[in-house]
Structure formats: C-alpha cells, structure tokens
Amino acid sequence: MQEPNEDRKSSARKRAQNHFTAAEARDTLVRQSIEKQSAATDAKIAKLRALRLAKEAADAEAEAANPTAKPAAKKAGNKAKA
C-alpha cells in the first residue's frame, strides 16, 4: 500500500498533467482559429486586388479607346483651416 504522501504526489501530478493537456488543447484550437481567420483575410485581399486590377485595366482600355474624354476630377481632401 502506498503512503499518504505518495498518494498526494500522484494526485497532484495527475491534476497538473490534466491541466496542461487541457491548456494545450485550447492553444491548438486558438491557433487553428487564427489560421482560419488569416486564410479568410488573405482570400478577401486577393479577391479585392484582382477586382481592382481588372477595373484599372478596363479604365486604361477605355482611356485608350477614347482619349478625348476627361478623367473624373478627384475630390480635394480635408484642408486644415489656418
């Protein structure tokens, strides 16, 4: 039969191991979640970049086809009042 001190050590070791196992599982889930969010953001950025490039190419093509048309005037940003 084990001594009471050995039982306490064994019990404490088992609780600690369970705690660390659970913490590792949570860490893994968090990492997976971050990776999914990162992949979704990367896909969104790639889609928006492709759309922007396509629009710029269409605008350049339209400008080449009709060089007399004026490009749209850009709005002035907020000017600081002095």
N, C-alpha and C. Protein backbone atom coordinates (compact mmCIF):
# COMPACT_ATOMS: atom_id res chain seq x y z
N MET A 1 0.84 -1.18 0.00
CA MET A 1 0.00 0.00 0.00
C MET A 1 0.89 1.24 0.00
N GLN A 2 0.47 2.25 -0.79
CA GLN A 2 1.25 3.47 -0.87
C GLN A 2 1.03 4.35 0.36
N GLU A 3 2.02 5.13 0.63
CA GLU A 3 1.91 6.05 1.76
C GLU A 3 1.04 7.23 1.36
N PRO A 4 0.45 7.91 2.32
CA PRO A 4 -0.41 9.06 2.02
C PRO A 4 0.34 10.16 1.25
N ASN A 5 1.60 10.35 1.54
CA ASN A 5 2.38 11.38 0.87
C ASN A 5 2.54 11.03 -0.62
N GLU A 6 2.75 9.76 -0.92
CA GLU A 6 2.87 9.31 -2.31
C GLU A 6 1.55 9.48 -3.04
N ASP A 7 0.43 9.22 -2.34
CA ASP A 7 -0.88 9.40 -2.96
C ASP A 7 -1.10 10.86 -3.33
N ARG A 8 -0.69 11.77 -2.46
CA ARG A 8 -0.84 13.21 -2.72
C ARG A 8 0.01 13.62 -3.92
N LYS A 9 1.23 13.12 -3.97
CA LYS A 9 2.11 13.46 -5.09
C LYS A 9 1.53 12.95 -6.41
N SER A 10 1.05 11.73 -6.37
CA SER A 10 0.48 11.14 -7.57
C SER A 10 -0.75 11.92 -8.02
N SER A 11 -1.59 12.28 -7.06
CA SER A 11 -2.80 13.02 -7.36
C SER A 11 -2.46 14.41 -7.91
N ALA A 12 -1.50 15.07 -7.31
CA ALA A 12 -1.09 16.40 -7.77
C ALA A 12 -0.50 16.31 -9.16
N ARG A 13 0.31 15.29 -9.40
CA ARG A 13 0.91 15.12 -10.72
C ARG A 13 -0.18 14.89 -11.77
N LYS A 14 -1.17 14.07 -11.43
CA LYS A 14 -2.25 13.78 -12.36
C LYS A 14 -3.07 15.04 -12.66
N ARG A 15 -3.39 15.84 -11.64
CA ARG A 15 -4.14 17.09 -11.84
C ARG A 15 -3.34 18.06 -12.71
N ALA A 16 -2.05 18.17 -12.46
CA ALA A 16 -1.20 19.07 -13.24
C ALA A 16 -1.16 18.61 -14.70
N GLN A 17 -1.01 17.32 -14.91
CA GLN A 17 -0.97 16.80 -16.27
C GLN A 17 -2.29 17.07 -16.99
N ASN A 18 -3.41 16.89 -16.29
CA ASN A 18 -4.72 17.17 -16.89
C ASN A 18 -4.84 18.66 -17.24
N HIS A 19 -4.35 19.51 -16.36
CA HIS A 19 -4.39 20.96 -16.59
C HIS A 19 -3.58 21.32 -17.84
N PHE A 20 -2.38 20.81 -17.96
CA PHE A 20 -1.53 21.13 -19.09
C PHE A 20 -2.07 20.55 -20.39
N THR A 21 -2.66 19.39 -20.33
CA THR A 21 -3.26 18.79 -21.52
C THR A 21 -4.42 19.65 -22.01
N ALA A 22 -5.25 20.10 -21.09
CA ALA A 22 -6.37 20.96 -21.46
C ALA A 22 -5.87 22.29 -22.02
N ALA A 23 -4.83 22.85 -21.44
CA ALA A 23 -4.28 24.12 -21.92
C ALA A 23 -3.72 23.95 -23.33
N GLU A 24 -3.05 22.85 -23.59
CA GLU A 24 -2.52 22.59 -24.93
C GLU A 24 -3.64 22.46 -25.95
N ALA A 25 -4.73 21.81 -25.55
CA ALA A 25 -5.87 21.66 -26.45
C ALA A 25 -6.47 23.02 -26.78
N ARG A 26 -6.61 23.88 -25.76
CA ARG A 26 -7.13 25.23 -26.01
C ARG A 26 -6.20 26.02 -26.93
N ASP A 27 -4.91 25.92 -26.68
CA ASP A 27 -3.93 26.63 -27.52
C ASP A 27 -4.03 26.17 -28.97
N THR A 28 -4.19 24.88 -29.18
CA THR A 28 -4.32 24.35 -30.53
C THR A 28 -5.57 24.90 -31.22
N LEU A 29 -6.68 24.95 -30.49
CA LEU A 29 -7.91 25.49 -31.07
C LEU A 29 -7.75 26.97 -31.41
N VAL A 30 -7.08 27.72 -30.56
CA VAL A 30 -6.87 29.14 -30.82
C VAL A 30 -6.00 29.32 -32.05
N ARG A 31 -4.93 28.54 -32.16
CA ARG A 31 -4.05 28.64 -33.33
C ARG A 31 -4.80 28.31 -34.62
N GLN A 32 -5.64 27.27 -34.56
CA GLN A 32 -6.42 26.89 -35.74
C GLN A 32 -7.39 28.00 -36.12
N SER A 33 -8.01 28.62 -35.13
CA SER A 33 -8.94 29.71 -35.39
C SER A 33 -8.21 30.89 -36.02
N ILE A 34 -7.05 31.22 -35.52
CA ILE A 34 -6.27 32.33 -36.06
C ILE A 34 -5.87 32.03 -37.51
N GLU A 35 -5.46 30.79 -37.77
CA GLU A 35 -5.07 30.40 -39.13
C GLU A 35 -6.27 30.51 -40.09
N LYS A 36 -7.46 30.10 -39.64
CA LYS A 36 -8.66 30.20 -40.48
C LYS A 36 -8.96 31.67 -40.79
N GLN A 37 -8.89 32.52 -39.78
CA GLN A 37 -9.15 33.94 -39.99
C GLN A 37 -8.13 34.55 -40.94
N SER A 38 -6.88 34.16 -40.78
CA SER A 38 -5.82 34.67 -41.64
C SER A 38 -6.04 34.23 -43.09
N ALA A 39 -6.43 32.99 -43.27
CA ALA A 39 -6.68 32.48 -44.62
C ALA A 39 -7.87 33.20 -45.25
N ALA A 40 -8.91 33.46 -44.46
CA ALA A 40 -10.08 34.17 -44.98
C ALA A 40 -9.71 35.60 -45.37
N THR A 41 -8.91 36.25 -44.55
CA THR A 41 -8.47 37.61 -44.85
C THR A 41 -7.61 37.63 -46.10
N ASP A 42 -6.70 36.68 -46.21
CA ASP A 42 -5.84 36.60 -47.40
C ASP A 42 -6.67 36.40 -48.67
N ALA A 43 -7.68 35.54 -48.59
CA ALA A 43 -8.55 35.29 -49.75
C ALA A 43 -9.32 36.56 -50.11
N LYS A 44 -9.81 37.26 -49.11
CA LYS A 44 -10.55 38.50 -49.37
C LYS A 44 -9.65 39.54 -50.02
N ILE A 45 -8.43 39.67 -49.52
CA ILE A 45 -7.48 40.64 -50.08
C ILE A 45 -7.16 40.28 -51.53
N ALA A 46 -6.95 39.00 -51.81
CA ALA A 46 -6.63 38.57 -53.18
C ALA A 46 -7.80 38.87 -54.12
N LYS A 47 -9.01 38.64 -53.65
CA LYS A 47 -10.20 38.91 -54.47
C LYS A 47 -10.31 40.40 -54.76
N LEU A 48 -10.15 41.22 -53.73
CA LEU A 48 -10.25 42.67 -53.92
C LEU A 48 -9.14 43.20 -54.82
N ARG A 49 -7.95 42.65 -54.68
CA ARG A 49 -6.82 43.06 -55.53
C ARG A 49 -7.12 42.73 -56.99
N ALA A 50 -7.66 41.53 -57.23
CA ALA A 50 -7.99 41.13 -58.60
C ALA A 50 -9.07 42.04 -59.19
N LEU A 51 -10.06 42.39 -58.38
CA LEU A 51 -11.10 43.29 -58.86
C LEU A 51 -10.54 44.67 -59.17
N ARG A 52 -9.66 45.17 -58.31
CA ARG A 52 -9.06 46.48 -58.53
C ARG A 52 -8.22 46.49 -59.81
N LEU A 53 -7.41 45.44 -59.98
CA LEU A 53 -6.58 45.36 -61.17
C LEU A 53 -7.42 45.26 -62.45
N ALA A 54 -8.51 44.51 -62.39
CA ALA A 54 -9.40 44.39 -63.54
C ALA A 54 -10.03 45.74 -63.87
N LYS A 55 -10.44 46.48 -62.83
CA LYS A 55 -11.04 47.80 -63.05
C LYS A 55 -10.02 48.76 -63.63
N GLU A 56 -8.81 48.74 -63.11
CA GLU A 56 -7.76 49.61 -63.65
C GLU A 56 -7.46 49.28 -65.10
N ALA A 57 -7.45 47.99 -65.44
CA ALA A 57 -7.20 47.60 -66.83
C ALA A 57 -8.35 48.06 -67.73
N ALA A 58 -9.58 47.93 -67.24
CA ALA A 58 -10.73 48.38 -68.03
C ALA A 58 -10.70 49.89 -68.20
N ASP A 59 -10.34 50.61 -67.16
CA ASP A 59 -10.24 52.06 -67.25
C ASP A 59 -9.15 52.48 -68.24
N ALA A 60 -8.02 51.80 -68.20
CA ALA A 60 -6.92 52.11 -69.13
C ALA A 60 -7.34 51.82 -70.56
N GLU A 61 -8.06 50.72 -70.75
CA GLU A 61 -8.54 50.36 -72.08
C GLU A 61 -9.55 51.39 -72.58
N ALA A 62 -10.44 51.83 -71.71
CA ALA A 62 -11.43 52.83 -72.09
C ALA A 62 -10.74 54.16 -72.41
N GLU A 63 -9.72 54.51 -71.67
CA GLU A 63 -8.97 55.74 -71.91
C GLU A 63 -8.24 55.66 -73.26
N ALA A 64 -7.70 54.50 -73.58
CA ALA A 64 -7.01 54.33 -74.84
C ALA A 64 -7.99 54.40 -76.02
N ALA A 65 -9.20 53.91 -75.82
CA ALA A 65 -10.20 53.91 -76.88
C ALA A 65 -10.80 55.30 -77.08
N ASN A 66 -10.86 56.09 -76.04
CA ASN A 66 -11.49 57.41 -76.11
C ASN A 66 -10.60 58.43 -75.39
N PRO A 67 -9.53 58.87 -76.03
CA PRO A 67 -8.59 59.76 -75.36
C PRO A 67 -9.10 61.17 -75.15
N THR A 68 -10.20 61.58 -75.79
CA THR A 68 -10.69 62.95 -75.64
C THR A 68 -11.50 63.15 -74.37
N ALA A 69 -11.99 62.07 -73.79
CA ALA A 69 -12.80 62.19 -72.58
C ALA A 69 -11.90 62.58 -71.41
N LYS A 70 -12.40 63.50 -70.59
CA LYS A 70 -11.64 63.93 -69.42
C LYS A 70 -11.80 62.89 -68.31
N PRO A 71 -10.74 62.61 -67.58
CA PRO A 71 -10.90 61.73 -66.42
C PRO A 71 -11.66 62.45 -65.33
N ALA A 72 -12.33 61.72 -64.50
CA ALA A 72 -13.11 62.31 -63.42
C ALA A 72 -12.18 63.09 -62.50
N ALA A 73 -12.64 64.27 -62.10
CA ALA A 73 -11.84 65.10 -61.21
C ALA A 73 -11.79 64.48 -59.83
N LYS A 74 -10.64 64.50 -59.22
CA LYS A 74 -10.51 63.94 -57.88
C LYS A 74 -10.95 64.98 -56.87
N LYS A 75 -11.60 64.52 -55.83
CA LYS A 75 -12.05 65.42 -54.79
C LYS A 75 -10.87 65.81 -53.92
N ALA A 76 -10.86 67.03 -53.50
CA ALA A 76 -9.79 67.51 -52.62
C ALA A 76 -10.08 66.97 -51.22
N GLY A 77 -9.02 66.62 -50.52
CA GLY A 77 -9.16 66.12 -49.15
C GLY A 77 -9.51 67.24 -48.20
N ASN A 78 -9.70 66.93 -46.97
CA ASN A 78 -9.99 67.94 -45.95
C ASN A 78 -8.77 68.84 -45.80
N LYS A 79 -9.02 70.11 -45.95
CA LYS A 79 -7.93 71.07 -45.79
C LYS A 79 -8.02 71.67 -44.40
N ALA A 80 -6.89 71.76 -43.75
CA ALA A 80 -6.87 72.34 -42.41
C ALA A 80 -7.02 73.84 -42.54
N LYS A 81 -7.89 74.39 -41.71
CA LYS A 81 -8.08 75.84 -41.71
C LYS A 81 -7.01 76.47 -40.84
N ALA A 82 -6.40 77.52 -41.38
CA ALA A 82 -5.33 78.17 -40.63
C ALA A 82 -5.83 79.45 -39.99
